[in-house]
Amino acid sequence: MYRLRASKPHLVWFLLAFCLGTVPFVTAQSASACALPPRLTIGQRGQVIGTSPNNLRAAPARSADLIGMIDGGGLFTVLAGAACDPTSGINWWQVDYAGQTGWTAEGDSQNYFVEPINPALLYRTDELVTGAGEEGRADLALVDLVTGENRVLTTNIPQELSAGQLVRLGMFAWTPAGDKIAFTAEIYEPFIRTIDQSVYLMNPDGSGKCLLAEDMTIIENGLYAVMPSEPTESDGAPLDFPTCENPSPFLPSGYRFMVEPVQIGVAFNQTTGDRIQLTDRTIGDALYGSRVSPDQTTAALVLSDKDYHYSLFLTPLANPQPQLVTLDAEPTTALGWSPDSQSLLVATQDDLSGIVLLVRINAVTGEQTVIYEGETYGYDLSAPVWSPSGEQIAFSIGTEAGEPHLTVMNADGSDLRQLDTPISHGQIVWRPE
């Protein structure tokens, strides 16, 4: 890692300011000496790029005492800066990392060592039009909603391991701190068997991949939690990555929804093993969609009758008596709870007109508000998800070009933006804030 070495007069000035508790000012002369413009801001979170650590020093100079290291991929909070060292042309920021305060370099004259944590969406690329990776497989990608940068993260995972053995990527999730991405990779023989299904970790730039949990899979709701995989024949090894060292512990797995014989919808508490019957044939013949609220108190269920008419029910898990939610059109399986568990998103669609609505339902009062209306162009509105702050919503929907794209808007439906990011229908996950 690059080390700063300041001239003595400059160093004395910085150390004096540091001892007095003041923040060094960036003068016009010193600012012009730093070739790379600052990207961090005070109060924002940042992250070390790649797997190499970044130095943490007692003052904004490379000759200052080394007081610690920020691990590769490590997250920190920006407290003050930027302080530009005109001798080396490097910006310094005062940061808090794991409770330790110090100064770290943003980069050298050519390369950034750290980057800001902006709102971002993790998704699977469209398997037919992906610009990276190998045609026919959906790769994991991360799009920065501030800069527009779109990184494909899994191109170093081969599509084919050997003759007849392929790799596909499954469910994914962020670690609670937002510093790592967990994902499921399956090794399989098409139409024959699953050989291995395991969970891996990587940094948000795709580096540092490692084996996290063998013979496991990320659960379907994007939570950093796993459940046992069920390969038809487990005689293969996982992908050739090292075992993860000191990973974040998994979260409780919550509930898993299943349909038992005679079309009874049930929820299994994966921590306690409790079975909760949610439906019976008197209110629906099949369970097509389900989502439990973040506070683990209420299940949203989309049920179908024998004539394939769909209905939405809200069911308290402590007292499972489904309550019908009356909608102007039939719901699809696209459901999404707000972070505070107070609101539910549900997509409804008129098959004749092709018009889809995204409806926000107040789970307490029952009030309904249409926040999006549009055409599907052959692809259903899919995977509506709230940002961690509850201020924005992302989803996937078809475009005139024919393939689904990521779409982002404010929680009230304003400031709609359709991104130039073709996406595989399925899962979208916001980066933790």
Protein backbone atom coordinates (compact mmCIF):
# COMPACT_ATOMS: atom_id res chain seq x y z
CA MET A 1 0.00 0.00 0.00
CA TYR A 2 1.23 3.49 -0.86
CA ARG A 3 2.79 5.48 1.99
CA LEU A 4 2.76 9.27 2.21
CA ARG A 5 5.92 11.27 2.93
CA ALA A 6 5.27 15.02 3.43
CA SER A 7 7.83 17.85 3.47
CA LYS A 8 8.75 19.02 6.99
CA PRO A 9 7.10 22.49 6.95
CA HIS A 10 3.91 20.96 5.58
CA LEU A 11 4.00 18.19 8.14
CA VAL A 12 4.48 20.63 11.05
CA TRP A 13 1.48 22.64 9.88
CA PHE A 14 -0.70 19.55 9.67
CA LEU A 15 0.41 18.16 13.04
CA LEU A 16 -0.22 21.48 14.74
CA ALA A 17 -3.73 21.64 13.31
CA PHE A 18 -4.35 18.05 14.30
CA CYS A 19 -3.20 18.61 17.91
CA LEU A 20 -5.44 21.68 18.20
CA GLY A 21 -8.38 19.58 17.05
CA THR A 22 -8.93 21.54 13.86
CA VAL A 23 -9.41 20.20 10.36
CA PRO A 24 -6.69 21.09 7.85
CA PHE A 25 -8.02 23.40 5.16
CA VAL A 26 -7.50 22.59 1.51
CA THR A 27 -6.01 25.66 -0.11
CA ALA A 28 -6.28 26.41 -3.82
CA GLN A 29 -2.59 25.58 -4.16
CA SER A 30 -2.82 22.26 -2.34
CA ALA A 31 -6.11 21.25 -3.99
CA SER A 32 -4.57 21.67 -7.45
CA ALA A 33 -1.73 19.36 -6.42
CA CYS A 34 -4.11 16.44 -5.92
CA ALA A 35 -4.76 14.98 -9.36
CA LEU A 36 -7.69 12.75 -8.39
CA PRO A 37 -10.74 14.74 -7.27
CA PRO A 38 -12.14 13.81 -3.84
CA ARG A 39 -15.12 11.45 -4.01
CA LEU A 40 -15.89 11.02 -0.30
CA THR A 41 -18.02 13.41 1.75
CA ILE A 42 -18.19 14.04 5.50
CA GLY A 43 -20.78 11.85 7.21
CA GLN A 44 -20.79 9.30 4.39
CA ARG A 45 -19.63 5.71 4.55
CA GLY A 46 -16.69 4.56 2.45
CA GLN A 47 -15.02 1.28 1.65
CA VAL A 48 -11.51 0.09 0.83
CA ILE A 49 -11.31 -1.15 -2.76
CA GLY A 50 -10.10 -4.70 -3.32
CA THR A 51 -8.45 -7.04 -0.83
CA SER A 52 -5.37 -4.99 0.21
CA PRO A 53 -5.64 -3.01 3.49
CA ASN A 54 -5.41 0.78 3.73
CA ASN A 55 -3.19 2.48 6.32
CA LEU A 56 -4.76 4.37 9.23
CA ARG A 57 -2.47 7.12 10.56
CA ALA A 58 -2.50 9.55 13.47
CA ALA A 59 -2.34 12.61 11.19
CA PRO A 60 -2.81 13.37 7.48
CA ALA A 61 0.76 12.60 6.45
CA ARG A 62 2.53 9.41 5.47
CA SER A 63 5.26 10.11 8.06
CA ALA A 64 2.66 10.21 10.85
CA ASP A 65 2.40 7.26 13.23
CA LEU A 66 0.72 4.18 11.79
CA ILE A 67 -2.08 3.40 14.26
CA GLY A 68 -3.94 0.67 12.41
CA MET A 69 -5.14 -0.78 9.15
CA ILE A 70 -8.49 -0.81 7.38
CA ASP A 71 -9.01 -4.30 5.98
CA GLY A 72 -9.55 -4.82 2.28
CA GLY A 73 -13.27 -4.30 1.69
CA GLY A 74 -13.57 -2.71 5.15
CA LEU A 75 -16.22 -0.04 5.78
CA PHE A 76 -15.59 3.25 7.56
CA THR A 77 -17.38 6.51 8.29
CA VAL A 78 -15.91 9.82 7.08
CA LEU A 79 -15.44 12.38 9.88
CA ALA A 80 -13.39 15.18 8.29
CA GLY A 81 -11.38 16.14 5.20
CA ALA A 82 -10.29 16.23 2.55
CA ALA A 83 -6.74 17.33 3.41
CA CYS A 84 -4.53 17.40 0.32
CA ASP A 85 -0.78 16.81 0.65
CA PRO A 86 0.75 18.83 -2.23
CA THR A 87 4.05 16.97 -1.98
CA SER A 88 2.59 13.60 -2.93
CA GLY A 89 -0.73 14.76 -4.41
CA ILE A 90 -2.84 12.60 -2.13
CA ASN A 91 -6.06 13.46 -0.32
CA TRP A 92 -6.42 12.36 3.31
CA TRP A 93 -9.69 11.79 5.18
CA GLN A 94 -10.26 11.41 8.90
CA VAL A 95 -12.38 8.31 9.39
CA ASP A 96 -13.87 6.05 12.04
CA TYR A 97 -13.12 2.38 11.42
CA ALA A 98 -14.41 -0.19 13.91
CA GLY A 99 -14.32 2.43 16.68
CA GLN A 100 -10.82 3.68 15.86
CA THR A 101 -10.30 7.22 14.52
CA GLY A 102 -7.45 8.06 12.17
CA TRP A 103 -6.49 9.43 8.75
CA THR A 104 -6.46 7.32 5.59
CA ALA A 105 -5.40 8.07 2.01
CA GLU A 106 -8.08 8.26 -0.67
CA GLY A 107 -5.63 7.25 -3.40
CA ASP A 108 -2.44 8.22 -5.15
CA SER A 109 -1.98 10.36 -8.26
CA GLN A 110 -3.52 7.69 -10.50
CA ASN A 111 -5.65 5.26 -8.52
CA TYR A 112 -8.27 5.42 -5.79
CA PHE A 113 -7.72 3.22 -2.73
CA VAL A 114 -11.21 3.80 -1.30
CA GLU A 115 -14.63 4.62 -2.68
CA PRO A 116 -17.87 6.12 -1.37
CA ILE A 117 -20.80 3.91 -0.46
CA ASN A 118 -23.60 5.20 -2.68
CA PRO A 119 -27.11 3.75 -3.02
CA ALA A 120 -26.73 0.69 -5.25
CA LEU A 121 -28.72 -2.28 -6.51
CA LEU A 122 -27.51 -5.86 -6.74
CA TYR A 123 -29.16 -7.90 -9.50
CA ARG A 124 -28.69 -10.64 -12.09
CA THR A 125 -27.89 -9.55 -15.63
CA ASP A 126 -30.13 -10.63 -18.49
CA GLU A 127 -28.77 -14.00 -19.54
CA LEU A 128 -29.25 -13.31 -23.24
CA VAL A 129 -27.87 -9.78 -23.56
CA THR A 130 -25.29 -9.57 -20.76
CA GLY A 131 -22.33 -7.44 -21.78
CA ALA A 132 -19.90 -9.50 -19.72
CA GLY A 133 -19.51 -13.08 -18.73
CA GLU A 134 -20.59 -15.85 -21.09
CA GLU A 135 -23.74 -15.80 -23.16
CA GLY A 136 -26.51 -17.88 -21.70
CA ARG A 137 -25.77 -17.29 -18.01
CA ALA A 138 -26.98 -14.51 -15.75
CA ASP A 139 -24.10 -12.90 -13.82
CA LEU A 140 -24.37 -10.87 -10.63
CA ALA A 141 -23.95 -7.13 -11.15
CA LEU A 142 -23.97 -4.00 -8.98
CA VAL A 143 -25.19 -0.66 -10.32
CA ASP A 144 -24.33 2.58 -8.49
CA LEU A 145 -27.40 4.83 -8.56
CA VAL A 146 -25.31 8.00 -8.15
CA THR A 147 -22.49 7.49 -10.64
CA GLY A 148 -24.27 5.03 -12.93
CA GLU A 149 -21.29 2.67 -12.79
CA ASN A 150 -22.36 -0.90 -13.50
CA ARG A 151 -20.01 -3.68 -12.36
CA VAL A 152 -20.40 -7.31 -13.36
CA LEU A 153 -18.98 -9.23 -10.40
CA THR A 154 -18.87 -12.91 -11.32
CA THR A 155 -17.14 -13.12 -14.70
CA ASN A 156 -14.27 -15.10 -13.16
CA ILE A 157 -16.66 -17.95 -12.34
CA PRO A 158 -16.66 -20.29 -15.37
CA GLN A 159 -19.92 -21.24 -16.97
CA GLU A 160 -18.74 -24.77 -17.72
CA LEU A 161 -16.47 -26.71 -15.35
CA SER A 162 -16.10 -29.86 -17.43
CA ALA A 163 -17.96 -31.67 -20.15
CA GLY A 164 -21.61 -31.56 -19.22
CA GLN A 165 -21.16 -29.75 -15.87
CA LEU A 166 -22.41 -26.15 -15.81
CA VAL A 167 -22.55 -23.41 -13.16
CA ARG A 168 -25.49 -21.10 -12.51
CA LEU A 169 -25.91 -18.41 -9.89
CA GLY A 170 -28.83 -18.46 -7.48
CA MET A 171 -30.08 -16.30 -4.62
CA PHE A 172 -27.90 -13.57 -3.15
CA ALA A 173 -27.80 -11.18 -0.19
CA TRP A 174 -25.67 -8.53 1.52
CA THR A 175 -24.03 -9.10 4.86
CA PRO A 176 -25.66 -6.91 7.53
CA ALA A 177 -22.79 -4.38 7.46
CA GLY A 178 -23.00 -4.10 3.68
CA ASP A 179 -19.31 -4.93 3.22
CA LYS A 180 -19.71 -8.34 1.54
CA ILE A 181 -22.05 -10.09 -0.88
CA ALA A 182 -23.18 -13.66 -0.31
CA PHE A 183 -24.38 -15.71 -3.27
CA THR A 184 -25.40 -19.25 -4.14
CA ALA A 185 -23.68 -21.12 -6.97
CA GLU A 186 -25.00 -24.41 -8.28
CA ILE A 187 -23.01 -27.01 -10.21
CA TYR A 188 -25.36 -29.16 -12.28
CA GLU A 189 -25.82 -31.41 -15.28
CA PRO A 190 -28.73 -30.01 -17.34
CA PHE A 191 -31.94 -32.01 -16.97
CA ILE A 192 -30.10 -34.72 -15.01
CA ARG A 193 -28.95 -33.73 -11.52
CA THR A 194 -27.57 -31.10 -9.17
CA ILE A 195 -24.01 -31.92 -8.19
CA ASP A 196 -23.29 -29.21 -5.63
CA GLN A 197 -25.01 -26.12 -4.26
CA SER A 198 -23.02 -23.90 -1.89
CA VAL A 199 -22.81 -20.29 -0.66
CA TYR A 200 -19.87 -17.97 -1.30
CA LEU A 201 -18.78 -14.47 -0.23
CA MET A 202 -17.16 -11.68 -2.25
CA ASN A 203 -16.31 -8.00 -1.95
CA PRO A 204 -18.63 -5.50 -3.65
CA ASP A 205 -16.11 -5.12 -6.49
CA GLY A 206 -16.17 -8.89 -7.13
CA SER A 207 -12.77 -9.59 -5.53
CA GLY A 208 -11.98 -11.86 -2.60
CA LYS A 209 -14.36 -14.72 -3.41
CA CYS A 210 -14.37 -17.50 -0.81
CA LEU A 211 -16.44 -20.53 0.21
CA LEU A 212 -18.84 -19.59 3.02
CA ALA A 213 -21.15 -22.60 3.50
CA GLU A 214 -21.04 -25.91 1.64
CA ASP A 215 -24.29 -27.72 0.72
CA MET A 216 -26.33 -24.62 1.65
CA THR A 217 -28.30 -21.95 -0.22
CA ILE A 218 -29.35 -18.36 0.51
CA ILE A 219 -33.03 -18.22 1.43
CA GLU A 220 -35.36 -16.63 -1.07
CA ASN A 221 -36.09 -13.24 0.52
CA GLY A 222 -32.58 -11.81 0.20
CA LEU A 223 -31.83 -12.14 3.91
CA TYR A 224 -28.27 -13.03 4.93
CA ALA A 225 -29.45 -16.45 6.08
CA VAL A 226 -29.14 -19.95 4.67
CA MET A 227 -30.96 -23.24 4.55
CA PRO A 228 -29.72 -26.70 3.51
CA SER A 229 -29.62 -27.32 -0.22
CA GLU A 230 -31.12 -30.46 -1.63
CA PRO A 231 -28.99 -31.74 -4.50
CA THR A 232 -30.29 -34.89 -6.10
CA GLU A 233 -26.84 -36.42 -5.81
CA SER A 234 -24.13 -34.69 -3.78
CA ASP A 235 -20.97 -36.23 -5.19
CA GLY A 236 -19.21 -33.09 -6.36
CA ALA A 237 -16.98 -30.47 -4.79
CA PRO A 238 -17.82 -26.77 -4.58
CA LEU A 239 -16.11 -24.13 -6.72
CA ASP A 240 -12.36 -23.80 -6.21
CA PHE A 241 -12.27 -20.82 -3.82
CA PRO A 242 -10.57 -20.69 -0.39
CA THR A 243 -12.64 -21.03 2.76
CA CYS A 244 -13.79 -17.67 4.17
CA GLU A 245 -11.96 -16.48 7.28
CA ASN A 246 -13.97 -14.96 10.17
CA PRO A 247 -17.17 -14.34 8.19
CA SER A 248 -20.14 -12.48 9.64
CA PRO A 249 -22.52 -14.88 11.43
CA PHE A 250 -25.73 -15.70 9.60
CA LEU A 251 -28.98 -14.08 10.65
CA PRO A 252 -31.98 -16.13 11.84
CA SER A 253 -33.60 -17.66 8.80
CA GLY A 254 -37.17 -16.55 9.49
CA TYR A 255 -39.95 -18.39 7.68
CA ARG A 256 -40.07 -20.65 4.67
CA PHE A 257 -43.38 -20.99 2.82
CA MET A 258 -44.46 -24.27 1.26
CA VAL A 259 -47.54 -25.91 -0.21
CA GLU A 260 -48.34 -29.30 1.29
CA PRO A 261 -50.54 -32.03 -0.24
CA VAL A 262 -54.21 -31.07 -0.76
CA GLN A 263 -52.98 -27.50 -1.37
CA ILE A 264 -52.48 -26.36 2.23
CA GLY A 265 -50.19 -23.35 2.52
CA VAL A 266 -47.85 -23.50 5.51
CA ALA A 267 -45.02 -21.46 6.97
CA PHE A 268 -42.07 -23.13 8.71
CA ASN A 269 -40.11 -21.19 11.29
CA GLN A 270 -36.60 -22.23 10.29
CA THR A 271 -35.21 -21.35 13.71
CA THR A 272 -37.70 -23.15 15.95
CA GLY A 273 -39.07 -25.72 13.49
CA ASP A 274 -42.66 -24.63 14.21
CA ARG A 275 -45.23 -25.29 11.48
CA ILE A 276 -47.99 -22.72 10.95
CA GLN A 277 -50.93 -23.58 8.68
CA LEU A 278 -51.88 -20.44 6.76
CA THR A 279 -54.53 -21.58 4.27
CA ASP A 280 -56.90 -24.35 3.40
CA ARG A 281 -59.05 -25.26 0.40
CA THR A 282 -61.90 -23.05 1.60
CA ILE A 283 -60.03 -19.86 0.65
CA GLY A 284 -57.77 -20.97 -2.19
CA ASP A 285 -56.57 -23.93 -4.21
CA ALA A 286 -52.93 -22.91 -4.51
CA LEU A 287 -50.36 -20.63 -2.89
CA TYR A 288 -48.62 -18.67 -5.65
CA GLY A 289 -46.78 -15.92 -3.82
CA SER A 290 -45.78 -15.13 -0.23
CA ARG A 291 -43.72 -12.61 1.70
CA VAL A 292 -43.33 -12.15 5.44
CA SER A 293 -42.99 -8.67 6.94
CA PRO A 294 -39.54 -7.62 8.25
CA ASP A 295 -40.84 -7.67 11.83
CA GLN A 296 -41.87 -11.33 11.26
CA THR A 297 -45.48 -10.73 12.30
CA THR A 298 -47.53 -10.79 9.07
CA ALA A 299 -47.52 -12.88 5.91
CA ALA A 300 -48.77 -11.55 2.59
CA LEU A 301 -50.18 -14.39 0.47
CA VAL A 302 -51.36 -14.57 -3.14
CA LEU A 303 -53.80 -17.45 -3.56
CA SER A 304 -55.49 -18.92 -6.62
CA ASP A 305 -58.88 -20.60 -6.81
CA LYS A 306 -59.69 -23.55 -9.08
CA ASP A 307 -60.47 -21.18 -11.96
CA TYR A 308 -57.07 -19.47 -11.61
CA HIS A 309 -58.40 -16.24 -10.19
CA TYR A 310 -55.92 -14.64 -7.79
CA SER A 311 -56.54 -12.95 -4.44
CA LEU A 312 -54.35 -11.24 -1.85
CA PHE A 313 -54.57 -12.08 1.86
CA LEU A 314 -52.79 -10.66 4.91
CA THR A 315 -52.29 -13.22 7.66
CA PRO A 316 -51.00 -12.57 11.21
CA LEU A 317 -48.53 -15.34 12.01
CA ALA A 318 -49.48 -15.37 15.68
CA ASN A 319 -53.15 -15.91 14.79
CA PRO A 320 -53.27 -17.23 11.23
CA GLN A 321 -56.68 -16.11 10.01
CA PRO A 322 -56.25 -14.78 6.44
CA GLN A 323 -57.89 -11.41 5.75
CA LEU A 324 -58.88 -10.76 2.14
CA VAL A 325 -57.56 -7.51 0.62
CA THR A 326 -59.96 -6.19 -2.03
CA LEU A 327 -58.15 -4.87 -5.11
CA ASP A 328 -59.39 -3.34 -8.36
CA ALA A 329 -57.50 -5.96 -10.39
CA GLU A 330 -56.01 -9.36 -9.71
CA PRO A 331 -52.65 -9.39 -7.92
CA THR A 332 -49.51 -10.95 -9.35
CA THR A 333 -46.86 -12.64 -7.22
CA ALA A 334 -44.84 -9.38 -6.98
CA LEU A 335 -44.89 -8.42 -3.29
CA GLY A 336 -42.62 -6.18 -1.21
CA TRP A 337 -42.77 -5.03 2.41
CA SER A 338 -41.48 -1.66 3.60
CA PRO A 339 -38.59 -1.73 6.10
CA ASP A 340 -40.93 -0.66 8.94
CA SER A 341 -43.48 -3.39 8.07
CA GLN A 342 -46.21 -0.74 7.79
CA SER A 343 -46.74 -0.88 4.02
CA LEU A 344 -46.96 -3.59 1.38
CA LEU A 345 -46.32 -3.27 -2.34
CA VAL A 346 -48.37 -5.47 -4.66
CA ALA A 347 -48.53 -5.47 -8.45
CA THR A 348 -51.90 -5.92 -10.13
CA GLN A 349 -52.41 -6.54 -13.82
CA ASP A 350 -55.24 -6.40 -16.33
CA ASP A 351 -54.54 -9.21 -18.80
CA LEU A 352 -56.71 -7.66 -21.52
CA SER A 353 -55.11 -4.21 -21.55
CA GLY A 354 -51.63 -5.27 -20.45
CA ILE A 355 -51.62 -2.41 -17.94
CA VAL A 356 -49.89 -3.09 -14.63
CA LEU A 357 -50.29 -1.11 -11.41
CA LEU A 358 -48.02 -1.01 -8.41
CA VAL A 359 -50.18 -0.45 -5.35
CA ARG A 360 -48.95 0.59 -1.90
CA ILE A 361 -51.19 -0.77 0.86
CA ASN A 362 -51.10 0.57 4.40
CA ALA A 363 -51.06 -2.65 6.44
CA VAL A 364 -52.63 -0.87 9.43
CA THR A 365 -55.40 1.24 7.85
CA GLY A 366 -55.89 -0.66 4.59
CA GLU A 367 -55.53 2.53 2.53
CA GLN A 368 -54.41 1.86 -1.05
CA THR A 369 -52.38 4.19 -3.28
CA VAL A 370 -51.38 3.55 -6.89
CA ILE A 371 -47.75 4.69 -7.24
CA TYR A 372 -46.98 3.28 -10.71
CA GLU A 373 -49.00 2.53 -13.87
CA GLY A 374 -47.55 1.30 -17.14
CA GLU A 375 -47.37 -1.34 -19.84
CA THR A 376 -45.49 -4.59 -19.34
CA TYR A 377 -44.32 -5.21 -22.92
CA GLY A 378 -44.57 -8.93 -22.33
CA TYR A 379 -42.77 -8.98 -18.96
CA ASP A 380 -44.58 -8.77 -15.63
CA LEU A 381 -43.59 -6.17 -13.06
CA SER A 382 -41.23 -8.13 -10.83
CA ALA A 383 -39.33 -7.95 -7.53
CA PRO A 384 -40.52 -4.62 -6.02
CA VAL A 385 -38.13 -3.76 -3.17
CA TRP A 386 -37.84 -0.78 -0.83
CA SER A 387 -34.56 0.93 -0.10
CA PRO A 388 -33.30 0.48 3.49
CA SER A 389 -34.45 4.04 4.34
CA GLY A 390 -37.89 3.42 2.85
CA GLU A 391 -37.47 6.47 0.61
CA GLN A 392 -37.09 4.68 -2.74
CA ILE A 393 -38.45 1.63 -4.55
CA ALA A 394 -36.84 -0.48 -7.27
CA PHE A 395 -38.46 -3.08 -9.51
CA SER A 396 -38.09 -4.80 -12.88
CA ILE A 397 -40.46 -4.29 -15.81
CA GLY A 398 -40.43 -4.78 -19.57
CA THR A 399 -39.52 -2.07 -22.05
CA GLU A 400 -40.40 -1.36 -25.66
CA ALA A 401 -37.11 -3.01 -26.61
CA GLY A 402 -38.53 -6.26 -25.25
CA GLU A 403 -36.39 -7.14 -22.22
CA PRO A 404 -36.98 -6.15 -18.58
CA HIS A 405 -34.93 -3.30 -17.09
CA LEU A 406 -34.26 -2.00 -13.59
CA THR A 407 -36.57 0.86 -12.64
CA VAL A 408 -36.17 3.16 -9.62
CA MET A 409 -38.52 5.79 -8.16
CA ASN A 410 -39.33 7.57 -4.93
CA ALA A 411 -41.68 5.79 -2.54
CA ASP A 412 -44.55 8.09 -3.59
CA GLY A 413 -44.03 7.24 -7.28
CA SER A 414 -42.21 10.45 -8.24
CA ASP A 415 -38.85 10.78 -10.02
CA LEU A 416 -39.23 7.58 -12.04
CA ARG A 417 -35.99 6.42 -13.71
CA GLN A 418 -35.60 3.40 -15.96
CA LEU A 419 -31.94 2.36 -15.97
CA ASP A 420 -30.06 1.05 -18.97
CA THR A 421 -29.58 -2.29 -17.24
CA PRO A 422 -31.28 -5.37 -18.71
CA ILE A 423 -32.06 -7.74 -15.88
CA SER A 424 -33.07 -11.34 -15.38
CA HIS A 425 -36.51 -11.54 -13.85
CA GLY A 426 -36.26 -12.39 -10.18
CA GLN A 427 -34.33 -10.82 -7.36
CA ILE A 428 -33.18 -7.24 -6.68
CA VAL A 429 -31.40 -6.27 -3.44
CA TRP A 430 -30.52 -2.78 -2.20
CA ARG A 431 -27.12 -2.21 -0.66
CA PRO A 432 -27.45 -1.58 3.11
CA GLU A 433 -27.13 2.11 4.00
